[in-house]
Amino acid sequence: MQVVAGTARRILLKTIPGEETRPTSNRIKETLFNILQPQIQGCRFLDLFAGSGAIGIEALSRGAREAVFVEKSRLASACILDNLTRTHLKDQAQIMTTDVLAAIKRLSSGGKAFDIIFLDPPYDAGYEEEVLQELAASPLVTDETLIICEMRIRRELKDLSESGLTVVRVKEYKNNKHVFLRKAGEENEQE
């Protein structure tokens, strides 16, 4: 696995051995960032369930101003730090080794919103709705924030109307998909 584009292009990234994480393939990462490219430059990026940090690192490499990585596994957090060091992007990053819901609460106390939030929870664990509800209720998400949730292709999100989030796009791949969400509102429903 490597950084696909930007300042750290072609730098190989470490992954965590075993089944604990599921790295996003370079091909899917490239497709995702082709979609996100107009919004990446200068953005604040939040990578939840960060694993090896490959998604947040790709965002930094492509011009994100800063990225926060949230990963509860100490082994994975050490891998993220190593990858940030090898890509020379450590100064633009913050790693939080904690549970995602605890991190959202802690980040919310700072009150600074993110431009893009990416979450890739363990498949079939059912974390998506709970995390999306928590994000929607936090100051981390504004009308401008784009949330992307990676999930198994056959998995469907339950009704999000109470959260105030709406699906604006779905990009399907062979085995998984990216669901793009924003706060519900007249201007966001037209995308």
N, C-alpha and C. Protein backbone atom coordinates (compact mmCIF):
# COMPACT_ATOMS: atom_id res chain seq x y z
N MET A 1 0.85 -1.18 0.00
CA MET A 1 0.00 0.00 0.00
C MET A 1 0.90 1.24 0.00
N GLN A 2 0.51 2.23 -0.76
CA GLN A 2 1.32 3.44 -0.87
C GLN A 2 0.43 4.67 -0.99
N VAL A 3 1.04 5.84 -0.82
CA VAL A 3 0.34 7.09 -1.05
C VAL A 3 0.19 7.24 -2.56
N VAL A 4 -1.03 7.55 -2.99
CA VAL A 4 -1.32 7.56 -4.43
C VAL A 4 -0.86 8.84 -5.11
N ALA A 5 -1.07 10.01 -4.47
CA ALA A 5 -0.75 11.28 -5.14
C ALA A 5 -0.33 12.32 -4.11
N GLY A 6 0.21 13.43 -4.62
CA GLY A 6 0.57 14.56 -3.76
C GLY A 6 2.02 14.55 -3.34
N THR A 7 2.31 15.27 -2.27
CA THR A 7 3.70 15.46 -1.82
C THR A 7 4.37 14.17 -1.35
N ALA A 8 3.59 13.20 -0.90
CA ALA A 8 4.15 11.93 -0.42
C ALA A 8 3.91 10.80 -1.42
N ARG A 9 3.63 11.14 -2.65
CA ARG A 9 3.31 10.15 -3.69
C ARG A 9 4.35 9.04 -3.75
N ARG A 10 3.83 7.82 -3.85
CA ARG A 10 4.61 6.59 -4.00
C ARG A 10 5.34 6.13 -2.75
N ILE A 11 5.22 6.86 -1.65
CA ILE A 11 5.85 6.39 -0.41
C ILE A 11 5.04 5.22 0.12
N LEU A 12 5.74 4.13 0.40
CA LEU A 12 5.08 2.93 0.91
C LEU A 12 4.65 3.14 2.36
N LEU A 13 3.46 2.67 2.69
CA LEU A 13 2.93 2.77 4.03
C LEU A 13 2.92 1.40 4.69
N LYS A 14 3.19 1.39 5.98
CA LYS A 14 3.10 0.16 6.76
C LYS A 14 1.64 -0.14 7.06
N THR A 15 1.32 -1.40 7.21
CA THR A 15 0.00 -1.81 7.66
C THR A 15 0.17 -2.69 8.89
N ILE A 16 -0.94 -2.88 9.58
CA ILE A 16 -0.90 -3.71 10.78
C ILE A 16 -1.15 -5.15 10.37
N PRO A 17 -0.29 -6.07 10.79
CA PRO A 17 -0.52 -7.47 10.42
C PRO A 17 -1.79 -8.00 11.10
N GLY A 18 -2.42 -8.97 10.45
CA GLY A 18 -3.59 -9.62 11.04
C GLY A 18 -4.89 -9.07 10.50
N GLU A 19 -5.97 -9.46 11.15
CA GLU A 19 -7.32 -9.15 10.70
C GLU A 19 -7.90 -7.90 11.37
N GLU A 20 -7.13 -7.26 12.26
CA GLU A 20 -7.67 -6.15 13.05
C GLU A 20 -8.06 -4.94 12.20
N THR A 21 -7.34 -4.69 11.14
CA THR A 21 -7.67 -3.56 10.26
C THR A 21 -7.86 -4.06 8.83
N ARG A 22 -8.46 -3.22 8.01
CA ARG A 22 -8.78 -3.57 6.64
C ARG A 22 -8.39 -2.38 5.76
N PRO A 23 -7.14 -2.32 5.30
CA PRO A 23 -6.70 -1.16 4.52
C PRO A 23 -7.50 -0.98 3.24
N THR A 24 -7.82 0.27 2.93
CA THR A 24 -8.51 0.61 1.69
C THR A 24 -7.51 0.48 0.54
N SER A 25 -7.90 -0.23 -0.52
CA SER A 25 -6.98 -0.47 -1.63
C SER A 25 -6.60 0.85 -2.31
N ASN A 26 -5.45 0.84 -2.98
CA ASN A 26 -4.99 2.04 -3.69
C ASN A 26 -5.99 2.47 -4.75
N ARG A 27 -6.61 1.53 -5.41
CA ARG A 27 -7.57 1.86 -6.47
C ARG A 27 -8.81 2.58 -5.90
N ILE A 28 -9.34 2.06 -4.81
CA ILE A 28 -10.51 2.69 -4.17
C ILE A 28 -10.12 4.04 -3.59
N LYS A 29 -8.93 4.11 -3.00
CA LYS A 29 -8.44 5.38 -2.45
C LYS A 29 -8.32 6.44 -3.54
N GLU A 30 -7.80 6.03 -4.69
CA GLU A 30 -7.66 6.98 -5.81
C GLU A 30 -9.03 7.47 -6.29
N THR A 31 -10.00 6.57 -6.40
CA THR A 31 -11.35 6.96 -6.81
C THR A 31 -11.97 7.91 -5.80
N LEU A 32 -11.84 7.59 -4.52
CA LEU A 32 -12.38 8.45 -3.47
C LEU A 32 -11.78 9.86 -3.56
N PHE A 33 -10.48 9.95 -3.68
CA PHE A 33 -9.83 11.26 -3.69
C PHE A 33 -10.03 12.01 -5.00
N ASN A 34 -10.31 11.32 -6.07
CA ASN A 34 -10.71 12.03 -7.29
C ASN A 34 -12.04 12.74 -7.06
N ILE A 35 -12.94 12.11 -6.31
CA ILE A 35 -14.22 12.72 -5.96
C ILE A 35 -14.01 13.91 -5.02
N LEU A 36 -13.11 13.74 -4.05
CA LEU A 36 -12.89 14.75 -3.01
C LEU A 36 -11.96 15.88 -3.42
N GLN A 37 -11.21 15.72 -4.49
CA GLN A 37 -10.13 16.65 -4.83
C GLN A 37 -10.50 18.13 -4.77
N PRO A 38 -11.67 18.56 -5.25
CA PRO A 38 -11.98 20.00 -5.18
C PRO A 38 -12.09 20.54 -3.75
N GLN A 39 -12.28 19.65 -2.78
CA GLN A 39 -12.47 20.09 -1.40
C GLN A 39 -11.27 19.84 -0.48
N ILE A 40 -10.26 19.17 -0.98
CA ILE A 40 -9.13 18.75 -0.13
C ILE A 40 -8.20 19.91 0.23
N GLN A 41 -7.87 20.74 -0.73
CA GLN A 41 -6.88 21.80 -0.50
C GLN A 41 -7.25 22.67 0.70
N GLY A 42 -6.38 22.68 1.71
CA GLY A 42 -6.56 23.53 2.88
C GLY A 42 -7.62 23.08 3.87
N CYS A 43 -8.15 21.86 3.72
CA CYS A 43 -9.24 21.42 4.60
C CYS A 43 -8.73 20.85 5.93
N ARG A 44 -9.64 20.80 6.90
CA ARG A 44 -9.42 20.05 8.15
C ARG A 44 -10.06 18.70 7.95
N PHE A 45 -9.30 17.62 8.15
CA PHE A 45 -9.73 16.26 7.83
C PHE A 45 -9.72 15.42 9.10
N LEU A 46 -10.81 14.70 9.34
CA LEU A 46 -10.92 13.82 10.50
C LEU A 46 -11.04 12.39 9.99
N ASP A 47 -10.11 11.53 10.41
CA ASP A 47 -10.07 10.13 10.00
C ASP A 47 -10.42 9.27 11.21
N LEU A 48 -11.67 8.76 11.23
CA LEU A 48 -12.15 7.94 12.35
C LEU A 48 -11.98 6.46 12.02
N PHE A 49 -11.62 5.65 13.03
CA PHE A 49 -11.28 4.24 12.83
C PHE A 49 -10.13 4.21 11.82
N ALA A 50 -9.08 4.94 12.12
CA ALA A 50 -8.03 5.28 11.14
C ALA A 50 -7.16 4.11 10.69
N GLY A 51 -7.08 3.03 11.44
CA GLY A 51 -6.25 1.89 11.02
C GLY A 51 -4.80 2.29 10.86
N SER A 52 -4.25 2.17 9.65
CA SER A 52 -2.86 2.54 9.37
C SER A 52 -2.70 4.03 9.08
N GLY A 53 -3.84 4.74 8.96
CA GLY A 53 -3.79 6.18 8.68
C GLY A 53 -3.73 6.52 7.21
N ALA A 54 -3.89 5.53 6.34
CA ALA A 54 -3.70 5.74 4.90
C ALA A 54 -4.64 6.79 4.31
N ILE A 55 -5.89 6.87 4.76
CA ILE A 55 -6.83 7.83 4.19
C ILE A 55 -6.46 9.26 4.61
N GLY A 56 -6.23 9.47 5.89
CA GLY A 56 -5.84 10.80 6.36
C GLY A 56 -4.50 11.25 5.79
N ILE A 57 -3.58 10.32 5.64
CA ILE A 57 -2.27 10.63 5.05
C ILE A 57 -2.43 11.03 3.59
N GLU A 58 -3.30 10.33 2.88
CA GLU A 58 -3.58 10.69 1.48
C GLU A 58 -4.14 12.12 1.41
N ALA A 59 -5.03 12.45 2.34
CA ALA A 59 -5.60 13.81 2.38
C ALA A 59 -4.51 14.85 2.61
N LEU A 60 -3.61 14.58 3.57
CA LEU A 60 -2.51 15.51 3.84
C LEU A 60 -1.59 15.64 2.63
N SER A 61 -1.26 14.52 2.02
CA SER A 61 -0.38 14.52 0.86
C SER A 61 -0.97 15.35 -0.28
N ARG A 62 -2.29 15.36 -0.38
CA ARG A 62 -2.98 16.08 -1.46
C ARG A 62 -3.34 17.52 -1.09
N GLY A 63 -2.92 17.99 0.08
CA GLY A 63 -3.09 19.40 0.38
C GLY A 63 -3.97 19.76 1.56
N ALA A 64 -4.48 18.78 2.31
CA ALA A 64 -5.24 19.10 3.52
C ALA A 64 -4.34 19.88 4.48
N ARG A 65 -4.90 20.86 5.16
CA ARG A 65 -4.14 21.69 6.11
C ARG A 65 -3.74 20.90 7.35
N GLU A 66 -4.67 20.08 7.84
CA GLU A 66 -4.39 19.25 9.02
C GLU A 66 -5.30 18.04 9.02
N ALA A 67 -4.87 17.02 9.74
CA ALA A 67 -5.68 15.81 9.87
C ALA A 67 -5.59 15.30 11.30
N VAL A 68 -6.73 14.83 11.80
CA VAL A 68 -6.79 14.19 13.11
C VAL A 68 -7.13 12.72 12.86
N PHE A 69 -6.31 11.84 13.44
CA PHE A 69 -6.50 10.40 13.29
C PHE A 69 -6.99 9.85 14.61
N VAL A 70 -8.10 9.10 14.58
CA VAL A 70 -8.64 8.49 15.78
C VAL A 70 -8.61 6.98 15.60
N GLU A 71 -7.91 6.33 16.51
CA GLU A 71 -7.76 4.87 16.44
C GLU A 71 -7.53 4.36 17.87
N LYS A 72 -8.35 3.42 18.32
CA LYS A 72 -8.21 2.97 19.71
C LYS A 72 -7.10 1.95 19.92
N SER A 73 -6.67 1.26 18.86
CA SER A 73 -5.60 0.28 18.98
C SER A 73 -4.24 0.98 19.10
N ARG A 74 -3.51 0.66 20.16
CA ARG A 74 -2.17 1.24 20.34
C ARG A 74 -1.22 0.81 19.22
N LEU A 75 -1.35 -0.43 18.79
CA LEU A 75 -0.52 -0.93 17.70
C LEU A 75 -0.79 -0.15 16.42
N ALA A 76 -2.07 0.08 16.12
CA ALA A 76 -2.43 0.85 14.92
C ALA A 76 -1.98 2.30 15.04
N SER A 77 -2.12 2.90 16.22
CA SER A 77 -1.67 4.28 16.42
C SER A 77 -0.17 4.42 16.21
N ALA A 78 0.58 3.42 16.65
CA ALA A 78 2.04 3.43 16.42
C ALA A 78 2.33 3.32 14.92
N CYS A 79 1.53 2.55 14.21
CA CYS A 79 1.68 2.41 12.76
C CYS A 79 1.38 3.75 12.07
N ILE A 80 0.34 4.45 12.53
CA ILE A 80 0.00 5.77 11.96
C ILE A 80 1.17 6.72 12.17
N LEU A 81 1.72 6.76 13.37
CA LEU A 81 2.86 7.64 13.67
C LEU A 81 4.04 7.32 12.76
N ASP A 82 4.33 6.04 12.59
CA ASP A 82 5.43 5.64 11.71
C ASP A 82 5.16 6.09 10.27
N ASN A 83 3.93 5.91 9.80
CA ASN A 83 3.59 6.33 8.43
C ASN A 83 3.65 7.85 8.27
N LEU A 84 3.22 8.58 9.28
CA LEU A 84 3.31 10.05 9.22
C LEU A 84 4.77 10.50 9.20
N THR A 85 5.61 9.81 9.94
CA THR A 85 7.04 10.14 9.98
C THR A 85 7.68 9.86 8.62
N ARG A 86 7.39 8.70 8.04
CA ARG A 86 8.01 8.35 6.76
C ARG A 86 7.52 9.22 5.61
N THR A 87 6.32 9.81 5.73
CA THR A 87 5.79 10.70 4.68
C THR A 87 6.09 12.18 4.95
N HIS A 88 6.73 12.46 6.10
CA HIS A 88 7.07 13.83 6.50
C HIS A 88 5.83 14.70 6.68
N LEU A 89 4.73 14.11 7.18
CA LEU A 89 3.48 14.84 7.37
C LEU A 89 3.07 14.92 8.85
N LYS A 90 3.98 14.53 9.72
CA LYS A 90 3.69 14.45 11.16
C LYS A 90 3.31 15.80 11.76
N ASP A 91 3.90 16.88 11.28
CA ASP A 91 3.64 18.21 11.86
C ASP A 91 2.23 18.71 11.59
N GLN A 92 1.54 18.12 10.63
CA GLN A 92 0.18 18.54 10.29
C GLN A 92 -0.87 17.60 10.88
N ALA A 93 -0.43 16.69 11.74
CA ALA A 93 -1.32 15.63 12.20
C ALA A 93 -1.41 15.55 13.72
N GLN A 94 -2.53 15.02 14.16
CA GLN A 94 -2.75 14.71 15.58
C GLN A 94 -3.31 13.30 15.62
N ILE A 95 -2.75 12.46 16.49
CA ILE A 95 -3.24 11.09 16.67
C ILE A 95 -3.91 11.00 18.03
N MET A 96 -5.12 10.47 18.05
CA MET A 96 -5.84 10.25 19.30
C MET A 96 -6.04 8.74 19.45
N THR A 97 -5.38 8.17 20.45
CA THR A 97 -5.52 6.74 20.71
C THR A 97 -6.62 6.56 21.73
N THR A 98 -7.83 6.44 21.21
CA THR A 98 -9.01 6.35 22.06
C THR A 98 -10.19 5.84 21.25
N ASP A 99 -11.27 5.55 21.93
CA ASP A 99 -12.52 5.17 21.30
C ASP A 99 -13.06 6.33 20.47
N VAL A 100 -13.70 6.05 19.36
CA VAL A 100 -14.20 7.09 18.45
C VAL A 100 -15.21 8.00 19.14
N LEU A 101 -16.15 7.45 19.89
CA LEU A 101 -17.17 8.28 20.55
C LEU A 101 -16.53 9.20 21.60
N ALA A 102 -15.55 8.69 22.32
CA ALA A 102 -14.83 9.52 23.30
C ALA A 102 -14.06 10.63 22.58
N ALA A 103 -13.47 10.31 21.44
CA ALA A 103 -12.73 11.32 20.67
C ALA A 103 -13.65 12.41 20.16
N ILE A 104 -14.84 12.03 19.70
CA ILE A 104 -15.79 13.03 19.20
C ILE A 104 -16.17 13.99 20.34
N LYS A 105 -16.41 13.46 21.51
CA LYS A 105 -16.73 14.31 22.67
C LYS A 105 -15.57 15.24 23.00
N ARG A 106 -14.36 14.71 23.01
CA ARG A 106 -13.18 15.52 23.34
C ARG A 106 -12.93 16.59 22.28
N LEU A 107 -13.04 16.23 21.02
CA LEU A 107 -12.85 17.20 19.94
C LEU A 107 -13.95 18.26 19.94
N SER A 108 -15.16 17.86 20.32
CA SER A 108 -16.29 18.80 20.37
C SER A 108 -16.06 19.90 21.38
N SER A 109 -15.36 19.59 22.45
CA SER A 109 -15.10 20.62 23.47
C SER A 109 -14.21 21.72 22.91
N GLY A 110 -13.41 21.40 21.88
CA GLY A 110 -12.59 22.41 21.21
C GLY A 110 -13.41 23.27 20.26
N GLY A 111 -14.52 22.73 19.80
CA GLY A 111 -15.47 23.49 19.00
C GLY A 111 -15.09 23.77 17.56
N LYS A 112 -13.96 23.24 17.06
CA LYS A 112 -13.54 23.51 15.68
C LYS A 112 -14.12 22.45 14.75
N ALA A 113 -14.87 22.89 13.75
CA ALA A 113 -15.50 21.98 12.80
C ALA A 113 -14.47 21.42 11.81
N PHE A 114 -14.82 20.30 11.21
CA PHE A 114 -14.01 19.68 10.16
C PHE A 114 -14.69 19.89 8.82
N ASP A 115 -13.88 19.96 7.78
CA ASP A 115 -14.40 20.08 6.42
C ASP A 115 -14.81 18.72 5.87
N ILE A 116 -13.98 17.71 6.15
CA ILE A 116 -14.25 16.35 5.69
C ILE A 116 -14.02 15.39 6.86
N ILE A 117 -14.97 14.48 7.04
CA ILE A 117 -14.86 13.44 8.07
C ILE A 117 -15.02 12.10 7.37
N PHE A 118 -14.03 11.23 7.56
CA PHE A 118 -14.06 9.90 6.97
C PHE A 118 -14.14 8.88 8.09
N LEU A 119 -15.09 7.94 7.98
CA LEU A 119 -15.13 6.86 8.96
C LEU A 119 -15.21 5.52 8.26
N ASP A 120 -14.41 4.60 8.77
CA ASP A 120 -14.32 3.25 8.21
C ASP A 120 -14.38 2.26 9.38
N PRO A 121 -15.57 2.14 10.01
CA PRO A 121 -15.68 1.25 11.16
C PRO A 121 -15.58 -0.21 10.75
N PRO A 122 -15.30 -1.10 11.71
CA PRO A 122 -15.28 -2.53 11.38
C PRO A 122 -16.60 -2.93 10.72
N TYR A 123 -16.51 -3.67 9.63
CA TYR A 123 -17.71 -4.10 8.92
C TYR A 123 -18.61 -4.94 9.82
N ASP A 124 -19.89 -4.74 9.69
CA ASP A 124 -20.93 -5.51 10.36
C ASP A 124 -20.92 -5.38 11.89
N ALA A 125 -20.23 -4.39 12.42
CA ALA A 125 -20.24 -4.17 13.87
C ALA A 125 -21.38 -3.23 14.27
N GLY A 126 -21.96 -2.53 13.30
CA GLY A 126 -23.10 -1.68 13.58
C GLY A 126 -22.77 -0.33 14.20
N TYR A 127 -21.54 0.14 14.05
CA TYR A 127 -21.13 1.42 14.65
C TYR A 127 -21.60 2.63 13.85
N GLU A 128 -21.90 2.45 12.58
CA GLU A 128 -22.14 3.59 11.69
C GLU A 128 -23.18 4.56 12.23
N GLU A 129 -24.38 4.06 12.51
CA GLU A 129 -25.46 4.95 12.93
C GLU A 129 -25.14 5.69 14.22
N GLU A 130 -24.57 4.98 15.19
CA GLU A 130 -24.25 5.62 16.47
C GLU A 130 -23.22 6.74 16.29
N VAL A 131 -22.20 6.47 15.50
CA VAL A 131 -21.16 7.48 15.26
C VAL A 131 -21.73 8.65 14.46
N LEU A 132 -22.54 8.37 13.46
CA LEU A 132 -23.14 9.44 12.66
C LEU A 132 -24.07 10.31 13.51
N GLN A 133 -24.84 9.70 14.40
CA GLN A 133 -25.72 10.46 15.31
C GLN A 133 -24.88 11.38 16.20
N GLU A 134 -23.80 10.84 16.73
CA GLU A 134 -22.93 11.63 17.62
C GLU A 134 -22.28 12.78 16.86
N LEU A 135 -21.82 12.52 15.65
CA LEU A 135 -21.22 13.57 14.83
C LEU A 135 -22.23 14.67 14.51
N ALA A 136 -23.42 14.27 14.09
CA ALA A 136 -24.45 15.23 13.69
C ALA A 136 -24.83 16.16 14.83
N ALA A 137 -24.76 15.67 16.06
CA ALA A 137 -25.14 16.47 17.23
C ALA A 137 -23.97 17.32 17.74
N SER A 138 -22.80 17.17 17.14
CA SER A 138 -21.61 17.85 17.64
C SER A 138 -21.31 19.12 16.83
N PRO A 139 -20.48 20.01 17.39
CA PRO A 139 -20.06 21.20 16.64
C PRO A 139 -18.98 20.87 15.59
N LEU A 140 -18.60 19.60 15.47
CA LEU A 140 -17.59 19.20 14.49
C LEU A 140 -18.15 19.20 13.08
N VAL A 141 -19.49 19.16 12.96
CA VAL A 141 -20.16 19.09 11.67
C VAL A 141 -20.98 20.35 11.45
N THR A 142 -20.72 21.02 10.32
CA THR A 142 -21.51 22.18 9.92
C THR A 142 -22.25 21.83 8.63
N ASP A 143 -22.97 22.78 8.08
CA ASP A 143 -23.66 22.57 6.80
C ASP A 143 -22.67 22.31 5.67
N GLU A 144 -21.42 22.73 5.86
CA GLU A 144 -20.39 22.58 4.83
C GLU A 144 -19.62 21.27 4.94
N THR A 145 -19.73 20.58 6.07
CA THR A 145 -18.95 19.36 6.31
C THR A 145 -19.45 18.21 5.45
N LEU A 146 -18.52 17.51 4.84
CA LEU A 146 -18.83 16.30 4.09
C LEU A 146 -18.37 15.11 4.93
N ILE A 147 -19.29 14.17 5.15
CA ILE A 147 -18.98 12.95 5.90
C ILE A 147 -19.00 11.79 4.91
N ILE A 148 -17.96 10.95 4.96
CA ILE A 148 -17.91 9.77 4.10
C ILE A 148 -17.81 8.55 5.00
N CYS A 149 -18.71 7.60 4.79
CA CYS A 149 -18.73 6.38 5.57
C CYS A 149 -18.44 5.21 4.64
N GLU A 150 -17.36 4.46 4.92
CA GLU A 150 -17.06 3.26 4.15
C GLU A 150 -17.74 2.08 4.82
N MET A 151 -18.43 1.28 4.03
CA MET A 151 -19.15 0.14 4.59
C MET A 151 -19.29 -0.98 3.56
N ARG A 152 -19.64 -2.15 4.05
CA ARG A 152 -19.87 -3.30 3.17
C ARG A 152 -20.99 -2.95 2.19
N ILE A 153 -20.88 -3.41 0.96
CA ILE A 153 -21.81 -3.01 -0.10
C ILE A 153 -23.27 -3.36 0.22
N ARG A 154 -23.50 -4.47 0.91
CA ARG A 154 -24.88 -4.87 1.17
C ARG A 154 -25.48 -4.22 2.42
N ARG A 155 -24.66 -3.51 3.17
CA ARG A 155 -25.12 -2.87 4.41
C ARG A 155 -25.85 -1.57 4.07
N GLU A 156 -26.96 -1.33 4.72
CA GLU A 156 -27.72 -0.10 4.53
C GLU A 156 -27.77 0.68 5.84
N LEU A 157 -27.68 1.98 5.75
CA LEU A 157 -27.83 2.83 6.93
C LEU A 157 -29.30 2.89 7.30
N LYS A 158 -29.54 2.85 8.61
CA LYS A 158 -30.92 3.01 9.08
C LYS A 158 -31.34 4.46 8.89
N ASP A 159 -32.60 4.75 9.10
CA ASP A 159 -33.14 6.09 8.92
C ASP A 159 -32.31 7.12 9.68
N LEU A 160 -31.81 8.10 8.96
CA LEU A 160 -30.96 9.13 9.55
C LEU A 160 -31.69 10.45 9.74
N SER A 161 -32.98 10.48 9.46
CA SER A 161 -33.71 11.75 9.49
C SER A 161 -33.65 12.44 10.85
N GLU A 162 -33.66 11.66 11.93
CA GLU A 162 -33.57 12.27 13.26
C GLU A 162 -32.21 12.90 13.52
N SER A 163 -31.19 12.40 12.87
CA SER A 163 -29.84 12.94 13.06
C SER A 163 -29.66 14.26 12.33
N GLY A 164 -30.50 14.51 11.33
CA GLY A 164 -30.34 15.72 10.53
C GLY A 164 -29.36 15.53 9.39
N LEU A 165 -28.91 14.29 9.15
CA LEU A 165 -28.00 14.00 8.04
C LEU A 165 -28.77 13.42 6.88
N THR A 166 -28.28 13.65 5.68
CA THR A 166 -28.90 13.09 4.49
C THR A 166 -27.81 12.56 3.56
N VAL A 167 -28.10 11.48 2.87
CA VAL A 167 -27.17 10.89 1.92
C VAL A 167 -27.22 11.74 0.64
N VAL A 168 -26.04 12.20 0.20
CA VAL A 168 -25.98 13.01 -1.02
C VAL A 168 -25.36 12.25 -2.19
N ARG A 169 -24.70 11.12 -1.89
CA ARG A 169 -24.08 10.35 -2.96
C ARG A 169 -23.68 8.98 -2.40
N VAL A 170 -23.69 7.97 -3.26
CA VAL A 170 -23.18 6.65 -2.91
C VAL A 170 -22.29 6.20 -4.06
N LYS A 171 -21.07 5.79 -3.74
CA LYS A 171 -20.15 5.25 -4.75
C LYS A 171 -19.90 3.79 -4.40
N GLU A 172 -20.35 2.89 -5.26
CA GLU A 172 -20.21 1.47 -5.00
C GLU A 172 -18.99 0.90 -5.70
N TYR A 173 -18.36 -0.07 -5.02
CA TYR A 173 -17.23 -0.81 -5.56
C TYR A 173 -17.63 -2.29 -5.58
N LYS A 174 -16.70 -3.17 -5.74
CA LYS A 174 -17.03 -4.60 -5.82
C LYS A 174 -17.62 -5.12 -4.50
N ASN A 175 -16.94 -4.87 -3.39
CA ASN A 175 -17.36 -5.43 -2.10
C ASN A 175 -17.78 -4.38 -1.08
N ASN A 176 -17.51 -3.14 -1.33
CA ASN A 176 -17.83 -2.10 -0.36
C ASN A 176 -18.33 -0.85 -1.07
N LYS A 177 -18.65 0.17 -0.29
CA LYS A 177 -19.14 1.42 -0.87
C LYS A 177 -18.78 2.58 0.04
N HIS A 178 -18.81 3.77 -0.54
CA HIS A 178 -18.67 5.01 0.21
C HIS A 178 -20.00 5.73 0.16
N VAL A 179 -20.52 6.05 1.34
CA VAL A 179 -21.76 6.80 1.46
C VAL A 179 -21.38 8.21 1.88
N PHE A 180 -21.76 9.21 1.09
CA PHE A 180 -21.44 10.61 1.34
C PHE A 180 -22.66 11.27 1.98
N LEU A 181 -22.45 11.96 3.10
CA LEU A 181 -23.55 12.58 3.82
C LEU A 181 -23.24 14.03 4.16
N ARG A 182 -24.30 14.81 4.29
CA ARG A 182 -24.21 16.19 4.77
C ARG A 182 -25.39 16.43 5.69
N LYS A 183 -25.31 17.54 6.42
CA LYS A 183 -26.48 17.96 7.19
C LYS A 183 -27.60 18.25 6.22
N ALA A 184 -28.79 17.82 6.57
CA ALA A 184 -29.95 18.03 5.70
C ALA A 184 -30.27 19.52 5.63
N GLY A 185 -30.55 19.98 4.45
CA GLY A 185 -30.89 21.39 4.22
C GLY A 185 -31.21 21.58 2.77
N GLU A 186 -31.89 22.63 2.43
CA GLU A 186 -32.32 22.85 1.06
C GLU A 186 -31.16 22.83 0.07
N GLU A 187 -30.07 23.54 0.40
CA GLU A 187 -28.96 23.60 -0.56
C GLU A 187 -28.24 22.28 -0.69
N ASN A 188 -28.15 21.50 0.42
CA ASN A 188 -27.43 20.22 0.37
C ASN A 188 -28.23 19.13 -0.31
N GLU A 189 -29.54 19.21 -0.33
CA GLU A 189 -30.36 18.18 -0.94
C GLU A 189 -30.30 18.23 -2.45
N GLN A 190 -29.73 19.27 -3.03
CA GLN A 190 -29.70 19.42 -4.48
C GLN A 190 -28.43 18.85 -5.11
N GLU A 191 -27.50 18.35 -4.33
CA GLU A 191 -26.23 17.86 -4.89
C GLU A 191 -26.42 16.62 -5.72
